[in-house]
C-alpha atoms as a PDB file:
ATOM      1  CA  GLU A   1     141.112  60.359 -19.952  1.00  0.00           C
ATOM      2  CA  GLU A   2     144.133  63.409 -19.948  1.00  0.00           C
ATOM      3  CA  ALA A   3     143.972  66.522 -21.162  1.00  0.00           C
ATOM      4  CA  VAL A   4     145.365  70.266 -21.302  1.00  0.00           C
ATOM      5  CA  LEU A   5     143.792  73.034 -20.063  1.00  0.00           C
ATOM      6  CA  HIS A   6     144.287  76.978 -20.215  1.00  0.00           C
ATOM      7  CA  SER A   7     143.806  79.239 -17.503  1.00  0.00           C
ATOM      8  CA  SER A   8     144.494  81.490 -15.275  1.00  0.00           C
ATOM      9  CA  GLU A   9     144.171  81.616 -10.903  1.00  0.00           C
ATOM     10  CA  ALA A  10     141.081  83.878 -11.336  1.00  0.00           C
ATOM     11  CA  LYS A  11     139.302  81.677 -14.049  1.00  0.00           C
ATOM     12  CA  LEU A  12     140.147  79.044 -12.660  1.00  0.00           C
ATOM     13  CA  PRO A  13     136.360  77.551 -10.899  1.00  0.00           C
ATOM     14  CA  GLU A  14     134.613  78.707 -14.199  1.00  0.00           C
ATOM     15  CA  ASP A  15     137.401  77.469 -16.952  1.00  0.00           C
ATOM     16  CA  VAL A  16     137.070  74.199 -14.952  1.00  0.00           C
ATOM     17  CA  ALA A  17     133.088  74.175 -14.467  1.00  0.00           C
ATOM     18  CA  GLU A  18     133.159  74.969 -18.662  1.00  0.00           C
ATOM     19  CA  PHE A  19     135.504  72.293 -19.355  1.00  0.00           C
ATOM     20  CA  LEU A  20     133.851  69.738 -17.651  1.00  0.00           C
ATOM     21  CA  SER A  21     130.176  70.683 -18.979  1.00  0.00           C
ATOM     22  CA  ASN A  22     131.561  69.859 -22.672  1.00  0.00           C
ATOM     23  CA  LYS A  23     132.691  66.619 -21.467  1.00  0.00           C
ATOM     24  CA  ALA A  24     129.607  64.489 -22.761  1.00  0.00           C
ATOM     25  CA  GLU A  25     130.775  61.653 -22.540  1.00  0.00           C
ATOM     26  CA  LEU A  26     132.652  61.765 -18.370  1.00  0.00           C
ATOM     27  CA  GLN A  27     129.741  60.412 -17.563  1.00  0.00           C
ATOM     28  CA  HIS A  28     131.530  58.135 -15.558  1.00  0.00           C
ATOM     29  CA  GLY A  29     135.342  58.074 -14.780  1.00  0.00           C
ATOM     30  CA  GLU A  30     138.106  59.929 -14.499  1.00  0.00           C
ATOM     31  CA  ILE A  31     139.998  62.580 -16.156  1.00  0.00           C
ATOM     32  CA  LYS A  32     143.541  64.529 -15.246  1.00  0.00           C
ATOM     33  CA  ILE A  33     143.440  67.818 -16.294  1.00  0.00           C
ATOM     34  CA  GLU A  34     147.705  69.946 -16.891  1.00  0.00           C
ATOM     35  CA  LEU A  35     146.561  73.082 -15.973  1.00  0.00           C
ATOM     36  CA  GLU A  36     148.556  76.197 -17.388  1.00  0.00           C
ATOM     37  CA  PRO A  37     150.368  77.549 -16.661  1.00  0.00           C
ATOM     38  CA  ARG A  38     152.228  74.959 -14.912  1.00  0.00           C
ATOM     39  CA  ASN A  39     151.937  75.618 -11.036  1.00  0.00           C
ATOM     40  CA  LEU A  40     149.067  75.151 -11.256  1.00  0.00           C
ATOM     41  CA  GLY A  41     149.793  71.760 -11.234  1.00  0.00           C
ATOM     42  CA  GLN A  42     147.641  68.810 -12.004  1.00  0.00           C
ATOM     43  CA  ILE A  43     143.603  68.226 -11.019  1.00  0.00           C
ATOM     44  CA  THR A  44     141.715  64.581 -10.935  1.00  0.00           C
ATOM     45  CA  VAL A  45     138.661  64.927 -11.185  1.00  0.00           C
ATOM     46  CA  LYS A  46     135.748  62.079 -10.792  1.00  0.00           C
ATOM     47  CA  VAL A  47     132.798  61.668 -11.589  1.00  0.00           C
ATOM     48  CA  ASN A  48     129.470  59.258 -11.532  1.00  0.00           C
ATOM     49  CA  TYR A  49     126.202  59.126 -10.809  1.00  0.00           C
ATOM     50  CA  SER A  50     123.333  58.432  -8.868  1.00  0.00           C
ATOM     51  CA  GLY A  51     120.043  59.079  -8.493  1.00  0.00           C
ATOM     52  CA  GLY A  52     120.320  60.944 -11.749  1.00  0.00           C
ATOM     53  CA  LYS A  53     122.273  63.132  -9.242  1.00  0.00           C
ATOM     54  CA  ALA A  54     126.003  63.906 -10.452  1.00  0.00           C
ATOM     55  CA  ASN A  55     129.343  63.412  -7.746  1.00  0.00           C
ATOM     56  CA  ILE A  56     132.205  64.759  -8.631  1.00  0.00           C
ATOM     57  CA  VAL A  57     135.856  64.160  -6.549  1.00  0.00           C
ATOM     58  CA  ILE A  58     137.818  66.997  -7.509  1.00  0.00           C
ATOM     59  CA  THR A  59     141.472  65.873  -6.796  1.00  0.00           C
ATOM     60  CA  ALA A  60     144.958  69.072  -7.040  1.00  0.00           C
ATOM     61  CA  GLU A  61     148.249  68.500  -6.444  1.00  0.00           C
ATOM     62  CA  ASN A  62     149.036  72.080  -6.159  1.00  0.00           C
ATOM     63  CA  PRO A  63     147.123  73.205  -2.201  1.00  0.00           C
ATOM     64  CA  LYS A  64     146.606  76.483  -3.842  1.00  0.00           C
ATOM     65  CA  THR A  65     144.429  75.161  -6.694  1.00  0.00           C
ATOM     66  CA  LEU A  66     142.960  73.085  -4.213  1.00  0.00           C
ATOM     67  CA  HIS A  67     141.686  76.452  -2.449  1.00  0.00           C
ATOM     68  CA  LEU A  68     140.850  78.207  -5.769  1.00  0.00           C
ATOM     69  CA  LEU A  69     139.061  75.361  -6.556  1.00  0.00           C
ATOM     70  CA  GLN A  70     136.425  75.037  -3.008  1.00  0.00           C
ATOM     71  CA  THR A  71     136.596  79.081  -2.952  1.00  0.00           C
ATOM     72  CA  GLY A  72     134.853  78.849  -6.549  1.00  0.00           C
ATOM     73  CA  ALA A  73     132.406  75.361  -6.344  1.00  0.00           C
ATOM     74  CA  GLU A  74     129.564  77.270  -5.792  1.00  0.00           C
ATOM     75  CA  ASP A  75     130.101  78.891  -9.558  1.00  0.00           C
ATOM     76  CA  MET A  76     131.088  75.262 -10.426  1.00  0.00           C
ATOM     77  CA  GLY A  77     128.578  73.857  -9.526  1.00  0.00           C
ATOM     78  CA  ARG A  78     125.709  77.011 -11.320  1.00  0.00           C
ATOM     79  CA  ILE A  79     127.272  76.333 -14.599  1.00  0.00           C
ATOM     80  CA  LEU A  80     127.415  72.134 -14.848  1.00  0.00           C
ATOM     81  CA  GLU A  81     124.404  72.672 -14.080  1.00  0.00           C
ATOM     82  CA  GLN A  82     123.458  75.397 -16.792  1.00  0.00           C
ATOM     83  CA  LYS A  83     125.555  73.408 -19.310  1.00  0.00           C
ATOM     84  CA  THR A  84     123.958  69.937 -18.066  1.00  0.00           C
ATOM     85  CA  GLY A  85     120.726  70.101 -17.349  1.00  0.00           C
ATOM     86  CA  GLU A  86     121.541  67.966 -13.852  1.00  0.00           C
ATOM     87  CA  LEU A  87     121.124  69.392 -11.128  1.00  0.00           C
ATOM     88  CA  THR A  88     124.744  69.879  -9.286  1.00  0.00           C
ATOM     89  CA  SER A  89     125.810  72.168  -6.783  1.00  0.00           C
ATOM     90  CA  GLU A  90     128.370  71.476  -3.005  1.00  0.00           C
ATOM     91  CA  PHE A  91     124.521  70.544  -1.868  1.00  0.00           C
ATOM     92  CA  PRO A  92     124.473  67.005  -1.131  1.00  0.00           C
ATOM     93  CA  ALA A  93     120.977  66.660  -1.884  1.00  0.00           C
ATOM     94  CA  ALA A  94     121.277  68.386  -5.282  1.00  0.00           C
ATOM     95  CA  GLY A  95     124.315  66.152  -5.838  1.00  0.00           C
ATOM     96  CA  THR A  96     128.049  66.907  -4.847  1.00  0.00           C
ATOM     97  CA  ILE A  97     131.231  68.639  -5.438  1.00  0.00           C
ATOM     98  CA  GLN A  98     134.163  67.418  -2.973  1.00  0.00           C
ATOM     99  CA  PHE A  99     137.589  68.765  -3.238  1.00  0.00           C
ATOM    100  CA  ARG A 100     140.580  66.581  -1.871  1.00  0.00           C
ATOM    101  CA  GLU A 101     144.307  67.469  -1.442  1.00  0.00           C
END
């Protein structure tokens, strides 16, 4: 699946988390998200659930975008947990969000 997400550097982690939490069909699978403005590049998000915990791997083609997402990982986990009811954060005991270049 592919999608476009309009965001800004300041709001990128929150916007990505909100986008993912609204993708109910993304229980398992992968989505490529083209970010706007274009200088943010593209990210690929892979999701799977194991033992009732979400495991999310985010790959960014742009190192700056990757850094912005890593910096906002705690906020992303909080938003996903609130929206989905799943305990999702960057802490392995509660599920994971991993970032890769």
